[in-house]
Amino acid sequence: MLSLIASIILITPSGAFSPGPLTASAIALGASKGWRAGLYVAVGHMLFELPYVYALTYLFSRVDVGPYKTYMALAATAFIIYFAYLLLRDAWGIARGAPPTLPKSTFASPLAAGFLLTALNPYFLLWWLGVAGPILAELATQPLYVFVAVYAVHVAFDYFWLGLMATLGGAAARLLTAKLYAAFLAALAVMLLYFGVELIRKTL
């Protein structure tokens, strides 16, 4: 068990700390809802990830998301475009003098954002099959408590990272002037659109 925990600690940052839509959404949601938004994004992420990883562990050799990569990438990009539109809409309103608050923006629910940006990201799904595949194969031979311990260590990184990103987003919202805050939101929207384009480019 200790060997598997050490392995998951070594590889988790390659997925959890990588820039991407989930990280950008935590920053944006933190700007409007505070640091707790990052925790809700992490919960939404975990609500999909935990059953997915559990299923992979015990059905490892039968799961292949490869044939569905294109459809999943298109769905994820559509969600990302909508997410970016909401950010740009708020940035435009704030730049024109609207109060710098985001009651309707960045997808209504951080929980939904965390779940959808996880479920629709083929590279997240393939990360578990590829990078973490050997760990899952070994977990399939271990008792359930080993799976619980290893996954708990992994998901702790997600909560730390997404909470930190939301905290930084909230700090930016408090410290920036209205016009700089609008520029900050617009930059996040452009970042999200870039991730969406990259998702499609790498998939097609």
N, C-alpha and C. Protein backbone atom coordinates (compact mmCIF):
# COMPACT_ATOMS: atom_id res chain seq x y z
N MET A 1 0.83 -1.20 0.00
CA MET A 1 0.00 0.00 0.00
C MET A 1 0.87 1.26 0.00
N LEU A 2 1.93 1.26 0.82
CA LEU A 2 2.80 2.43 0.89
C LEU A 2 3.48 2.70 -0.45
N SER A 3 3.84 1.61 -1.14
CA SER A 3 4.46 1.76 -2.46
C SER A 3 3.49 2.39 -3.46
N LEU A 4 2.22 1.97 -3.42
CA LEU A 4 1.22 2.53 -4.31
C LEU A 4 0.93 3.99 -3.98
N ILE A 5 0.90 4.31 -2.68
CA ILE A 5 0.69 5.70 -2.27
C ILE A 5 1.84 6.58 -2.75
N ALA A 6 3.06 6.08 -2.63
CA ALA A 6 4.22 6.83 -3.11
C ALA A 6 4.13 7.06 -4.62
N SER A 7 3.69 6.04 -5.33
CA SER A 7 3.56 6.15 -6.79
C SER A 7 2.51 7.19 -7.18
N ILE A 8 1.36 7.18 -6.48
CA ILE A 8 0.30 8.13 -6.84
C ILE A 8 0.72 9.55 -6.49
N ILE A 9 1.52 9.72 -5.42
CA ILE A 9 2.03 11.04 -5.08
C ILE A 9 2.96 11.56 -6.18
N LEU A 10 3.75 10.67 -6.75
CA LEU A 10 4.70 11.08 -7.78
C LEU A 10 4.02 11.46 -9.08
N ILE A 11 2.95 10.77 -9.45
CA ILE A 11 2.35 11.03 -10.76
C ILE A 11 1.18 12.01 -10.71
N THR A 12 0.54 12.19 -9.56
CA THR A 12 -0.66 13.03 -9.51
C THR A 12 -0.41 14.46 -9.97
N PRO A 13 0.68 15.12 -9.60
CA PRO A 13 0.88 16.49 -10.08
C PRO A 13 0.87 16.63 -11.60
N SER A 14 1.24 15.58 -12.33
CA SER A 14 1.23 15.67 -13.79
C SER A 14 -0.18 15.87 -14.33
N GLY A 15 -1.19 15.46 -13.57
CA GLY A 15 -2.56 15.67 -13.99
C GLY A 15 -3.23 16.78 -13.21
N ALA A 16 -3.16 16.72 -11.88
CA ALA A 16 -3.89 17.68 -11.04
C ALA A 16 -3.39 19.10 -11.20
N PHE A 17 -2.07 19.29 -11.35
CA PHE A 17 -1.51 20.64 -11.38
C PHE A 17 -1.30 21.17 -12.79
N SER A 18 -1.72 20.43 -13.79
CA SER A 18 -1.52 20.89 -15.16
C SER A 18 -2.54 21.97 -15.51
N PRO A 19 -2.15 22.98 -16.30
CA PRO A 19 -3.12 24.00 -16.70
C PRO A 19 -4.18 23.38 -17.60
N GLY A 20 -5.39 23.84 -17.46
CA GLY A 20 -6.48 23.30 -18.26
C GLY A 20 -7.80 23.93 -17.86
N PRO A 21 -8.89 23.51 -18.48
CA PRO A 21 -10.20 24.11 -18.20
C PRO A 21 -10.61 24.04 -16.74
N LEU A 22 -10.30 22.94 -16.06
CA LEU A 22 -10.70 22.81 -14.66
C LEU A 22 -9.99 23.85 -13.79
N THR A 23 -8.69 24.03 -14.02
CA THR A 23 -7.94 25.03 -13.28
C THR A 23 -8.45 26.43 -13.57
N ALA A 24 -8.66 26.74 -14.85
CA ALA A 24 -9.14 28.07 -15.23
C ALA A 24 -10.53 28.34 -14.66
N SER A 25 -11.38 27.33 -14.66
CA SER A 25 -12.73 27.52 -14.13
C SER A 25 -12.68 27.78 -12.62
N ALA A 26 -11.77 27.11 -11.90
CA ALA A 26 -11.64 27.35 -10.46
C ALA A 26 -11.20 28.79 -10.19
N ILE A 27 -10.29 29.32 -11.00
CA ILE A 27 -9.85 30.70 -10.84
C ILE A 27 -11.02 31.66 -11.09
N ALA A 28 -11.74 31.42 -12.19
CA ALA A 28 -12.85 32.30 -12.55
C ALA A 28 -13.96 32.24 -11.51
N LEU A 29 -14.32 31.05 -11.08
CA LEU A 29 -15.37 30.91 -10.08
C LEU A 29 -14.94 31.47 -8.73
N GLY A 30 -13.66 31.34 -8.41
CA GLY A 30 -13.15 31.93 -7.18
C GLY A 30 -13.26 33.44 -7.20
N ALA A 31 -13.12 34.04 -8.38
CA ALA A 31 -13.23 35.49 -8.50
C ALA A 31 -14.62 35.98 -8.12
N SER A 32 -15.64 35.17 -8.39
CA SER A 32 -17.01 35.61 -8.12
C SER A 32 -17.59 35.03 -6.84
N LYS A 33 -17.10 33.85 -6.42
CA LYS A 33 -17.73 33.16 -5.31
C LYS A 33 -16.80 32.87 -4.15
N GLY A 34 -15.51 33.21 -4.29
CA GLY A 34 -14.57 32.99 -3.20
C GLY A 34 -13.93 31.62 -3.23
N TRP A 35 -13.08 31.38 -2.22
CA TRP A 35 -12.26 30.16 -2.20
C TRP A 35 -13.10 28.89 -2.13
N ARG A 36 -14.31 28.99 -1.56
CA ARG A 36 -15.14 27.77 -1.45
C ARG A 36 -15.54 27.24 -2.82
N ALA A 37 -15.57 28.11 -3.82
CA ALA A 37 -15.92 27.65 -5.17
C ALA A 37 -14.94 26.59 -5.64
N GLY A 38 -13.67 26.75 -5.29
CA GLY A 38 -12.68 25.75 -5.69
C GLY A 38 -12.96 24.40 -5.06
N LEU A 39 -13.43 24.41 -3.81
CA LEU A 39 -13.76 23.15 -3.16
C LEU A 39 -14.96 22.49 -3.82
N TYR A 40 -15.95 23.31 -4.23
CA TYR A 40 -17.11 22.75 -4.91
C TYR A 40 -16.73 22.21 -6.29
N VAL A 41 -15.83 22.90 -6.98
CA VAL A 41 -15.32 22.37 -8.26
C VAL A 41 -14.65 21.02 -8.02
N ALA A 42 -13.86 20.93 -6.93
CA ALA A 42 -13.18 19.67 -6.61
C ALA A 42 -14.18 18.57 -6.27
N VAL A 43 -15.27 18.92 -5.57
CA VAL A 43 -16.30 17.92 -5.27
C VAL A 43 -16.94 17.43 -6.56
N GLY A 44 -17.29 18.36 -7.47
CA GLY A 44 -17.87 17.96 -8.75
C GLY A 44 -16.93 17.07 -9.53
N HIS A 45 -15.65 17.43 -9.52
CA HIS A 45 -14.62 16.60 -10.16
C HIS A 45 -14.60 15.20 -9.55
N MET A 46 -14.63 15.13 -8.24
CA MET A 46 -14.55 13.84 -7.56
C MET A 46 -15.80 13.00 -7.79
N LEU A 47 -16.97 13.65 -7.92
CA LEU A 47 -18.21 12.90 -8.13
C LEU A 47 -18.16 12.09 -9.41
N PHE A 48 -17.41 12.58 -10.40
CA PHE A 48 -17.22 11.77 -11.61
C PHE A 48 -16.01 10.88 -11.48
N GLU A 49 -14.93 11.43 -10.96
CA GLU A 49 -13.66 10.69 -10.96
C GLU A 49 -13.70 9.43 -10.11
N LEU A 50 -14.29 9.51 -8.92
CA LEU A 50 -14.24 8.36 -8.01
C LEU A 50 -14.92 7.12 -8.61
N PRO A 51 -16.17 7.20 -9.08
CA PRO A 51 -16.75 5.99 -9.68
C PRO A 51 -16.04 5.56 -10.95
N TYR A 52 -15.52 6.53 -11.71
CA TYR A 52 -14.78 6.20 -12.93
C TYR A 52 -13.51 5.40 -12.60
N VAL A 53 -12.75 5.90 -11.63
CA VAL A 53 -11.51 5.22 -11.26
C VAL A 53 -11.80 3.86 -10.64
N TYR A 54 -12.86 3.78 -9.84
CA TYR A 54 -13.23 2.50 -9.24
C TYR A 54 -13.58 1.48 -10.33
N ALA A 55 -14.37 1.95 -11.32
CA ALA A 55 -14.74 1.05 -12.42
C ALA A 55 -13.52 0.63 -13.21
N LEU A 56 -12.60 1.57 -13.48
CA LEU A 56 -11.38 1.23 -14.21
C LEU A 56 -10.55 0.19 -13.45
N THR A 57 -10.49 0.35 -12.15
CA THR A 57 -9.66 -0.55 -11.35
C THR A 57 -10.10 -2.00 -11.49
N TYR A 58 -11.41 -2.21 -11.52
CA TYR A 58 -11.90 -3.59 -11.55
C TYR A 58 -12.39 -4.05 -12.92
N LEU A 59 -12.38 -3.13 -13.90
CA LEU A 59 -12.69 -3.52 -15.27
C LEU A 59 -11.60 -2.99 -16.19
N PHE A 60 -10.38 -2.99 -15.69
CA PHE A 60 -9.30 -2.26 -16.36
C PHE A 60 -9.10 -2.67 -17.81
N SER A 61 -9.09 -3.95 -18.08
CA SER A 61 -8.75 -4.41 -19.42
C SER A 61 -9.89 -4.21 -20.42
N ARG A 62 -11.09 -3.85 -19.95
CA ARG A 62 -12.24 -3.76 -20.85
C ARG A 62 -12.60 -2.33 -21.25
N VAL A 63 -11.96 -1.34 -20.66
CA VAL A 63 -12.34 0.05 -20.88
C VAL A 63 -11.47 0.67 -21.96
N ASP A 64 -12.10 1.25 -22.96
CA ASP A 64 -11.37 1.92 -24.04
C ASP A 64 -12.18 3.13 -24.48
N VAL A 65 -11.72 4.33 -24.09
CA VAL A 65 -12.44 5.54 -24.49
C VAL A 65 -11.95 6.09 -25.83
N GLY A 66 -10.94 5.44 -26.42
CA GLY A 66 -10.36 5.92 -27.66
C GLY A 66 -11.36 6.23 -28.76
N PRO A 67 -12.30 5.32 -29.08
CA PRO A 67 -13.24 5.58 -30.17
C PRO A 67 -14.15 6.78 -29.93
N TYR A 68 -14.26 7.23 -28.68
CA TYR A 68 -15.20 8.31 -28.35
C TYR A 68 -14.49 9.63 -28.09
N LYS A 69 -13.17 9.67 -28.31
CA LYS A 69 -12.40 10.87 -27.98
C LYS A 69 -12.92 12.10 -28.71
N THR A 70 -13.20 11.97 -30.00
CA THR A 70 -13.61 13.13 -30.79
C THR A 70 -14.93 13.70 -30.28
N TYR A 71 -15.91 12.84 -30.03
CA TYR A 71 -17.22 13.30 -29.56
C TYR A 71 -17.10 13.96 -28.19
N MET A 72 -16.30 13.38 -27.33
CA MET A 72 -16.12 13.95 -26.00
C MET A 72 -15.42 15.31 -26.07
N ALA A 73 -14.41 15.42 -26.94
CA ALA A 73 -13.70 16.68 -27.08
C ALA A 73 -14.61 17.77 -27.62
N LEU A 74 -15.49 17.42 -28.57
CA LEU A 74 -16.43 18.39 -29.11
C LEU A 74 -17.41 18.87 -28.04
N ALA A 75 -17.90 17.92 -27.24
CA ALA A 75 -18.83 18.29 -26.17
C ALA A 75 -18.14 19.18 -25.14
N ALA A 76 -16.92 18.83 -24.77
CA ALA A 76 -16.17 19.63 -23.80
C ALA A 76 -15.89 21.03 -24.34
N THR A 77 -15.55 21.12 -25.63
CA THR A 77 -15.27 22.42 -26.24
C THR A 77 -16.52 23.28 -26.28
N ALA A 78 -17.67 22.67 -26.55
CA ALA A 78 -18.93 23.43 -26.55
C ALA A 78 -19.19 24.03 -25.16
N PHE A 79 -18.96 23.24 -24.12
CA PHE A 79 -19.14 23.75 -22.76
C PHE A 79 -18.13 24.85 -22.47
N ILE A 80 -16.88 24.67 -22.90
CA ILE A 80 -15.85 25.67 -22.67
C ILE A 80 -16.20 26.98 -23.36
N ILE A 81 -16.72 26.91 -24.59
CA ILE A 81 -17.10 28.12 -25.32
C ILE A 81 -18.20 28.87 -24.58
N TYR A 82 -19.18 28.13 -24.06
CA TYR A 82 -20.25 28.76 -23.29
C TYR A 82 -19.69 29.40 -22.03
N PHE A 83 -18.82 28.72 -21.35
CA PHE A 83 -18.18 29.21 -20.13
C PHE A 83 -17.41 30.50 -20.45
N ALA A 84 -16.65 30.50 -21.54
CA ALA A 84 -15.87 31.68 -21.94
C ALA A 84 -16.80 32.83 -22.31
N TYR A 85 -17.91 32.53 -22.98
CA TYR A 85 -18.89 33.57 -23.33
C TYR A 85 -19.40 34.28 -22.08
N LEU A 86 -19.71 33.52 -21.02
CA LEU A 86 -20.21 34.13 -19.79
C LEU A 86 -19.15 35.05 -19.17
N LEU A 87 -17.90 34.61 -19.21
CA LEU A 87 -16.83 35.46 -18.69
C LEU A 87 -16.68 36.74 -19.50
N LEU A 88 -16.72 36.62 -20.83
CA LEU A 88 -16.58 37.80 -21.68
C LEU A 88 -17.76 38.75 -21.51
N ARG A 89 -18.95 38.19 -21.33
CA ARG A 89 -20.14 39.02 -21.10
C ARG A 89 -19.99 39.84 -19.83
N ASP A 90 -19.50 39.22 -18.78
CA ASP A 90 -19.32 39.94 -17.52
C ASP A 90 -18.18 40.96 -17.63
N ALA A 91 -17.12 40.56 -18.34
CA ALA A 91 -15.99 41.49 -18.51
C ALA A 91 -16.45 42.75 -19.25
N TRP A 92 -17.26 42.57 -20.28
CA TRP A 92 -17.77 43.70 -21.06
C TRP A 92 -18.65 44.59 -20.19
N GLY A 93 -19.52 43.98 -19.41
CA GLY A 93 -20.41 44.76 -18.55
C GLY A 93 -19.63 45.54 -17.50
N ILE A 94 -18.63 44.92 -16.89
CA ILE A 94 -17.83 45.60 -15.87
C ILE A 94 -17.02 46.74 -16.49
N ALA A 95 -16.46 46.51 -17.68
CA ALA A 95 -15.69 47.55 -18.37
C ALA A 95 -16.57 48.75 -18.70
N ARG A 96 -17.88 48.53 -18.88
CA ARG A 96 -18.80 49.62 -19.21
C ARG A 96 -19.44 50.24 -17.97
N GLY A 97 -19.00 49.80 -16.77
CA GLY A 97 -19.46 50.46 -15.57
C GLY A 97 -20.38 49.65 -14.69
N ALA A 98 -20.69 48.41 -15.07
CA ALA A 98 -21.53 47.58 -14.21
C ALA A 98 -20.76 47.22 -12.94
N PRO A 99 -21.44 46.93 -11.83
CA PRO A 99 -20.74 46.55 -10.60
C PRO A 99 -19.89 45.31 -10.84
N PRO A 100 -18.69 45.28 -10.29
CA PRO A 100 -17.78 44.14 -10.54
C PRO A 100 -18.13 42.91 -9.72
N THR A 101 -19.34 42.43 -9.89
CA THR A 101 -19.76 41.18 -9.26
C THR A 101 -20.30 40.28 -10.35
N LEU A 102 -20.28 38.97 -10.09
CA LEU A 102 -20.64 38.02 -11.14
C LEU A 102 -21.76 37.09 -10.68
N PRO A 103 -22.97 37.61 -10.43
CA PRO A 103 -24.01 36.74 -9.89
C PRO A 103 -24.49 35.67 -10.86
N LYS A 104 -24.33 35.89 -12.16
CA LYS A 104 -24.87 34.94 -13.12
C LYS A 104 -23.79 34.25 -13.93
N SER A 105 -22.54 34.59 -13.69
CA SER A 105 -21.52 34.18 -14.64
C SER A 105 -20.89 32.86 -14.30
N THR A 106 -20.00 32.44 -15.22
CA THR A 106 -19.12 31.29 -15.06
C THR A 106 -19.84 30.01 -14.68
N PHE A 107 -20.92 29.78 -15.37
CA PHE A 107 -21.76 28.60 -15.15
C PHE A 107 -22.29 28.65 -13.73
N ALA A 108 -23.58 28.48 -13.54
CA ALA A 108 -24.22 28.76 -12.27
C ALA A 108 -23.66 27.95 -11.12
N SER A 109 -23.26 26.73 -11.37
CA SER A 109 -22.85 25.85 -10.28
C SER A 109 -21.40 25.40 -10.42
N PRO A 110 -20.54 25.72 -9.45
CA PRO A 110 -19.18 25.18 -9.48
C PRO A 110 -19.18 23.65 -9.48
N LEU A 111 -20.16 23.06 -8.79
CA LEU A 111 -20.27 21.61 -8.75
C LEU A 111 -20.47 21.05 -10.16
N ALA A 112 -21.38 21.68 -10.92
CA ALA A 112 -21.64 21.23 -12.30
C ALA A 112 -20.43 21.45 -13.18
N ALA A 113 -19.75 22.60 -12.99
CA ALA A 113 -18.56 22.87 -13.79
C ALA A 113 -17.50 21.81 -13.54
N GLY A 114 -17.27 21.47 -12.26
CA GLY A 114 -16.27 20.46 -11.94
C GLY A 114 -16.62 19.11 -12.52
N PHE A 115 -17.90 18.75 -12.46
CA PHE A 115 -18.33 17.45 -12.98
C PHE A 115 -18.20 17.39 -14.50
N LEU A 116 -18.72 18.41 -15.19
CA LEU A 116 -18.75 18.38 -16.66
C LEU A 116 -17.36 18.50 -17.26
N LEU A 117 -16.53 19.39 -16.69
CA LEU A 117 -15.20 19.56 -17.25
C LEU A 117 -14.31 18.35 -16.98
N THR A 118 -14.72 17.51 -16.07
CA THR A 118 -14.03 16.24 -15.84
C THR A 118 -14.57 15.15 -16.77
N ALA A 119 -15.88 15.00 -16.77
CA ALA A 119 -16.51 13.92 -17.54
C ALA A 119 -16.29 14.06 -19.04
N LEU A 120 -16.17 15.30 -19.53
CA LEU A 120 -16.08 15.54 -20.96
C LEU A 120 -14.65 15.75 -21.45
N ASN A 121 -13.69 15.52 -20.57
CA ASN A 121 -12.29 15.72 -20.95
C ASN A 121 -11.63 14.37 -21.26
N PRO A 122 -11.46 14.04 -22.54
CA PRO A 122 -10.90 12.73 -22.88
C PRO A 122 -9.49 12.55 -22.37
N TYR A 123 -8.74 13.65 -22.20
CA TYR A 123 -7.37 13.51 -21.74
C TYR A 123 -7.29 13.20 -20.26
N PHE A 124 -8.27 13.66 -19.50
CA PHE A 124 -8.37 13.22 -18.11
C PHE A 124 -8.66 11.72 -18.06
N LEU A 125 -9.61 11.27 -18.88
CA LEU A 125 -9.96 9.85 -18.89
C LEU A 125 -8.78 9.00 -19.32
N LEU A 126 -8.06 9.47 -20.31
CA LEU A 126 -6.92 8.70 -20.80
C LEU A 126 -5.71 8.78 -19.86
N TRP A 127 -5.63 9.86 -19.06
CA TRP A 127 -4.55 9.95 -18.07
C TRP A 127 -4.64 8.78 -17.10
N TRP A 128 -5.86 8.47 -16.66
CA TRP A 128 -6.02 7.35 -15.74
C TRP A 128 -5.73 6.01 -16.43
N LEU A 129 -6.06 5.92 -17.70
CA LEU A 129 -5.78 4.68 -18.42
C LEU A 129 -4.30 4.53 -18.75
N GLY A 130 -3.65 5.65 -19.03
CA GLY A 130 -2.27 5.60 -19.47
C GLY A 130 -1.28 5.80 -18.35
N VAL A 131 -1.15 7.04 -17.88
CA VAL A 131 -0.16 7.37 -16.86
C VAL A 131 -0.38 6.57 -15.58
N ALA A 132 -1.65 6.53 -15.15
CA ALA A 132 -1.96 5.84 -13.89
C ALA A 132 -2.35 4.38 -14.10
N GLY A 133 -2.33 3.91 -15.33
CA GLY A 133 -2.75 2.55 -15.63
C GLY A 133 -2.05 1.47 -14.82
N PRO A 134 -0.72 1.51 -14.71
CA PRO A 134 -0.04 0.47 -13.91
C PRO A 134 -0.48 0.46 -12.44
N ILE A 135 -0.76 1.63 -11.90
CA ILE A 135 -1.23 1.69 -10.51
C ILE A 135 -2.61 1.05 -10.40
N LEU A 136 -3.49 1.35 -11.35
CA LEU A 136 -4.83 0.76 -11.33
C LEU A 136 -4.76 -0.75 -11.47
N ALA A 137 -3.89 -1.22 -12.35
CA ALA A 137 -3.75 -2.67 -12.53
C ALA A 137 -3.32 -3.34 -11.23
N GLU A 138 -2.44 -2.69 -10.48
CA GLU A 138 -1.99 -3.24 -9.20
C GLU A 138 -3.10 -3.15 -8.15
N LEU A 139 -3.84 -2.03 -8.16
CA LEU A 139 -4.94 -1.87 -7.21
C LEU A 139 -6.01 -2.94 -7.38
N ALA A 140 -6.17 -3.40 -8.61
CA ALA A 140 -7.19 -4.43 -8.88
C ALA A 140 -6.90 -5.73 -8.13
N THR A 141 -5.65 -5.90 -7.68
CA THR A 141 -5.29 -7.12 -6.95
C THR A 141 -5.28 -6.91 -5.44
N GLN A 142 -5.61 -5.69 -4.99
CA GLN A 142 -5.51 -5.34 -3.58
C GLN A 142 -6.88 -5.27 -2.91
N PRO A 143 -6.95 -5.33 -1.60
CA PRO A 143 -8.21 -5.15 -0.88
C PRO A 143 -8.77 -3.74 -1.07
N LEU A 144 -10.05 -3.56 -0.80
CA LEU A 144 -10.73 -2.28 -1.02
C LEU A 144 -10.09 -1.16 -0.21
N TYR A 145 -9.63 -1.44 1.01
CA TYR A 145 -9.08 -0.36 1.83
C TYR A 145 -7.83 0.25 1.21
N VAL A 146 -7.10 -0.54 0.41
CA VAL A 146 -5.92 -0.01 -0.28
C VAL A 146 -6.36 0.98 -1.35
N PHE A 147 -7.40 0.62 -2.10
CA PHE A 147 -7.94 1.55 -3.11
C PHE A 147 -8.36 2.85 -2.44
N VAL A 148 -9.08 2.76 -1.31
CA VAL A 148 -9.56 3.94 -0.61
C VAL A 148 -8.39 4.82 -0.18
N ALA A 149 -7.36 4.23 0.37
CA ALA A 149 -6.21 5.01 0.84
C ALA A 149 -5.49 5.70 -0.32
N VAL A 150 -5.27 4.96 -1.40
CA VAL A 150 -4.54 5.53 -2.55
C VAL A 150 -5.36 6.65 -3.20
N TYR A 151 -6.66 6.43 -3.37
CA TYR A 151 -7.47 7.47 -3.99
C TYR A 151 -7.58 8.70 -3.10
N ALA A 152 -7.68 8.51 -1.79
CA ALA A 152 -7.77 9.64 -0.86
C ALA A 152 -6.53 10.53 -0.97
N VAL A 153 -5.36 9.92 -1.10
CA VAL A 153 -4.14 10.70 -1.26
C VAL A 153 -4.18 11.47 -2.58
N HIS A 154 -4.63 10.80 -3.64
CA HIS A 154 -4.70 11.46 -4.94
C HIS A 154 -5.65 12.66 -4.91
N VAL A 155 -6.86 12.46 -4.41
CA VAL A 155 -7.87 13.52 -4.50
C VAL A 155 -7.53 14.68 -3.58
N ALA A 156 -6.71 14.45 -2.55
CA ALA A 156 -6.28 15.56 -1.69
C ALA A 156 -5.52 16.61 -2.50
N PHE A 157 -4.76 16.18 -3.51
CA PHE A 157 -4.06 17.11 -4.38
C PHE A 157 -5.06 17.98 -5.14
N ASP A 158 -6.15 17.37 -5.62
CA ASP A 158 -7.16 18.11 -6.37
C ASP A 158 -7.79 19.20 -5.50
N TYR A 159 -8.15 18.84 -4.27
CA TYR A 159 -8.76 19.82 -3.37
C TYR A 159 -7.79 20.96 -3.06
N PHE A 160 -6.54 20.61 -2.83
CA PHE A 160 -5.53 21.64 -2.55
C PHE A 160 -5.38 22.58 -3.74
N TRP A 161 -5.21 22.02 -4.92
CA TRP A 161 -4.93 22.84 -6.11
C TRP A 161 -6.12 23.71 -6.50
N LEU A 162 -7.30 23.12 -6.56
CA LEU A 162 -8.47 23.88 -7.00
C LEU A 162 -8.88 24.91 -5.94
N GLY A 163 -8.71 24.58 -4.66
CA GLY A 163 -8.95 25.56 -3.62
C GLY A 163 -7.97 26.72 -3.70
N LEU A 164 -6.70 26.41 -3.98
CA LEU A 164 -5.69 27.45 -4.12
C LEU A 164 -5.99 28.35 -5.31
N MET A 165 -6.38 27.75 -6.45
CA MET A 165 -6.68 28.54 -7.63
C MET A 165 -7.88 29.45 -7.40
N ALA A 166 -8.91 28.95 -6.72
CA ALA A 166 -10.07 29.78 -6.41
C ALA A 166 -9.70 30.92 -5.46
N THR A 167 -8.82 30.64 -4.51
CA THR A 167 -8.36 31.67 -3.59
C THR A 167 -7.63 32.78 -4.34
N LEU A 168 -6.79 32.41 -5.29
CA LEU A 168 -6.08 33.41 -6.10
C LEU A 168 -7.04 34.22 -6.94
N GLY A 169 -8.07 33.54 -7.49
CA GLY A 169 -9.07 34.26 -8.26
C GLY A 169 -9.83 35.26 -7.41
N GLY A 170 -10.17 34.84 -6.18
CA GLY A 170 -10.87 35.74 -5.27
C GLY A 170 -10.00 36.93 -4.87
N ALA A 171 -8.71 36.69 -4.67
CA ALA A 171 -7.79 37.79 -4.33
C ALA A 171 -7.70 38.78 -5.46
N ALA A 172 -7.64 38.28 -6.69
CA ALA A 172 -7.58 39.18 -7.84
C ALA A 172 -8.83 40.04 -7.92
N ALA A 173 -9.99 39.44 -7.65
CA ALA A 173 -11.25 40.19 -7.70
C ALA A 173 -11.28 41.31 -6.67
N ARG A 174 -10.69 41.08 -5.50
CA ARG A 174 -10.72 42.08 -4.44
C ARG A 174 -9.69 43.19 -4.67
N LEU A 175 -8.56 42.84 -5.26
CA LEU A 175 -7.45 43.78 -5.34
C LEU A 175 -7.44 44.62 -6.62
N LEU A 176 -8.04 44.10 -7.69
CA LEU A 176 -7.98 44.81 -8.96
C LEU A 176 -9.05 45.88 -9.07
N THR A 177 -8.75 46.93 -9.82
CA THR A 177 -9.78 47.92 -10.15
C THR A 177 -10.77 47.28 -11.11
N ALA A 178 -11.90 47.97 -11.32
CA ALA A 178 -12.95 47.41 -12.17
C ALA A 178 -12.43 47.09 -13.57
N LYS A 179 -11.67 48.02 -14.17
CA LYS A 179 -11.20 47.79 -15.54
C LYS A 179 -10.16 46.67 -15.59
N LEU A 180 -9.28 46.63 -14.59
CA LEU A 180 -8.30 45.54 -14.55
C LEU A 180 -8.98 44.20 -14.28
N TYR A 181 -10.03 44.24 -13.46
CA TYR A 181 -10.79 43.03 -13.19
C TYR A 181 -11.47 42.53 -14.46
N ALA A 182 -12.01 43.46 -15.24
CA ALA A 182 -12.62 43.09 -16.52
C ALA A 182 -11.58 42.46 -17.44
N ALA A 183 -10.37 43.03 -17.46
CA ALA A 183 -9.30 42.47 -18.29
C ALA A 183 -8.90 41.09 -17.79
N PHE A 184 -8.89 40.92 -16.47
CA PHE A 184 -8.58 39.62 -15.86
C PHE A 184 -9.58 38.56 -16.31
N LEU A 185 -10.87 38.90 -16.28
CA LEU A 185 -11.91 37.95 -16.73
C LEU A 185 -11.77 37.64 -18.21
N ALA A 186 -11.49 38.68 -19.00
CA ALA A 186 -11.33 38.46 -20.44
C ALA A 186 -10.14 37.55 -20.72
N ALA A 187 -9.05 37.73 -19.96
CA ALA A 187 -7.88 36.88 -20.14
C ALA A 187 -8.20 35.43 -19.79
N LEU A 188 -9.00 35.23 -18.73
CA LEU A 188 -9.41 33.87 -18.39
C LEU A 188 -10.25 33.26 -19.50
N ALA A 189 -11.13 34.07 -20.10
CA ALA A 189 -11.95 33.58 -21.20
C ALA A 189 -11.09 33.16 -22.38
N VAL A 190 -10.09 33.97 -22.71
CA VAL A 190 -9.18 33.64 -23.81
C VAL A 190 -8.40 32.37 -23.49
N MET A 191 -7.98 32.23 -22.22
CA MET A 191 -7.26 31.02 -21.80
C MET A 191 -8.14 29.79 -21.99
N LEU A 192 -9.40 29.89 -21.57
CA LEU A 192 -10.31 28.76 -21.74
C LEU A 192 -10.50 28.41 -23.21
N LEU A 193 -10.68 29.44 -24.05
CA LEU A 193 -10.85 29.18 -25.48
C LEU A 193 -9.61 28.50 -26.06
N TYR A 194 -8.43 28.91 -25.59
CA TYR A 194 -7.19 28.27 -26.04
C TYR A 194 -7.19 26.79 -25.68
N PHE A 195 -7.59 26.47 -24.43
CA PHE A 195 -7.64 25.07 -24.03
C PHE A 195 -8.64 24.30 -24.88
N GLY A 196 -9.76 24.94 -25.22
CA GLY A 196 -10.75 24.27 -26.06
C GLY A 196 -10.21 23.97 -27.45
N VAL A 197 -9.51 24.95 -28.03
CA VAL A 197 -8.92 24.76 -29.35
C VAL A 197 -7.86 23.65 -29.29
N GLU A 198 -7.04 23.66 -28.25
CA GLU A 198 -6.01 22.64 -28.10
C GLU A 198 -6.63 21.25 -27.94
N LEU A 199 -7.74 21.19 -27.23
CA LEU A 199 -8.42 19.92 -27.04
C LEU A 199 -8.86 19.33 -28.37
N ILE A 200 -9.45 20.20 -29.21
CA ILE A 200 -9.88 19.74 -30.53
C ILE A 200 -8.69 19.40 -31.41
N ARG A 201 -7.65 20.27 -31.39
CA ARG A 201 -6.49 20.04 -32.25
C ARG A 201 -5.81 18.72 -31.95
N LYS A 202 -5.69 18.39 -30.66
CA LYS A 202 -5.01 17.16 -30.28
C LYS A 202 -5.87 15.92 -30.54
N THR A 203 -7.17 16.14 -30.63
CA THR A 203 -8.06 15.00 -30.81
C THR A 203 -8.26 14.65 -32.27
N LEU A 204 -8.37 15.68 -33.11
CA LEU A 204 -8.66 15.44 -34.54
C LEU A 204 -7.41 15.04 -35.29
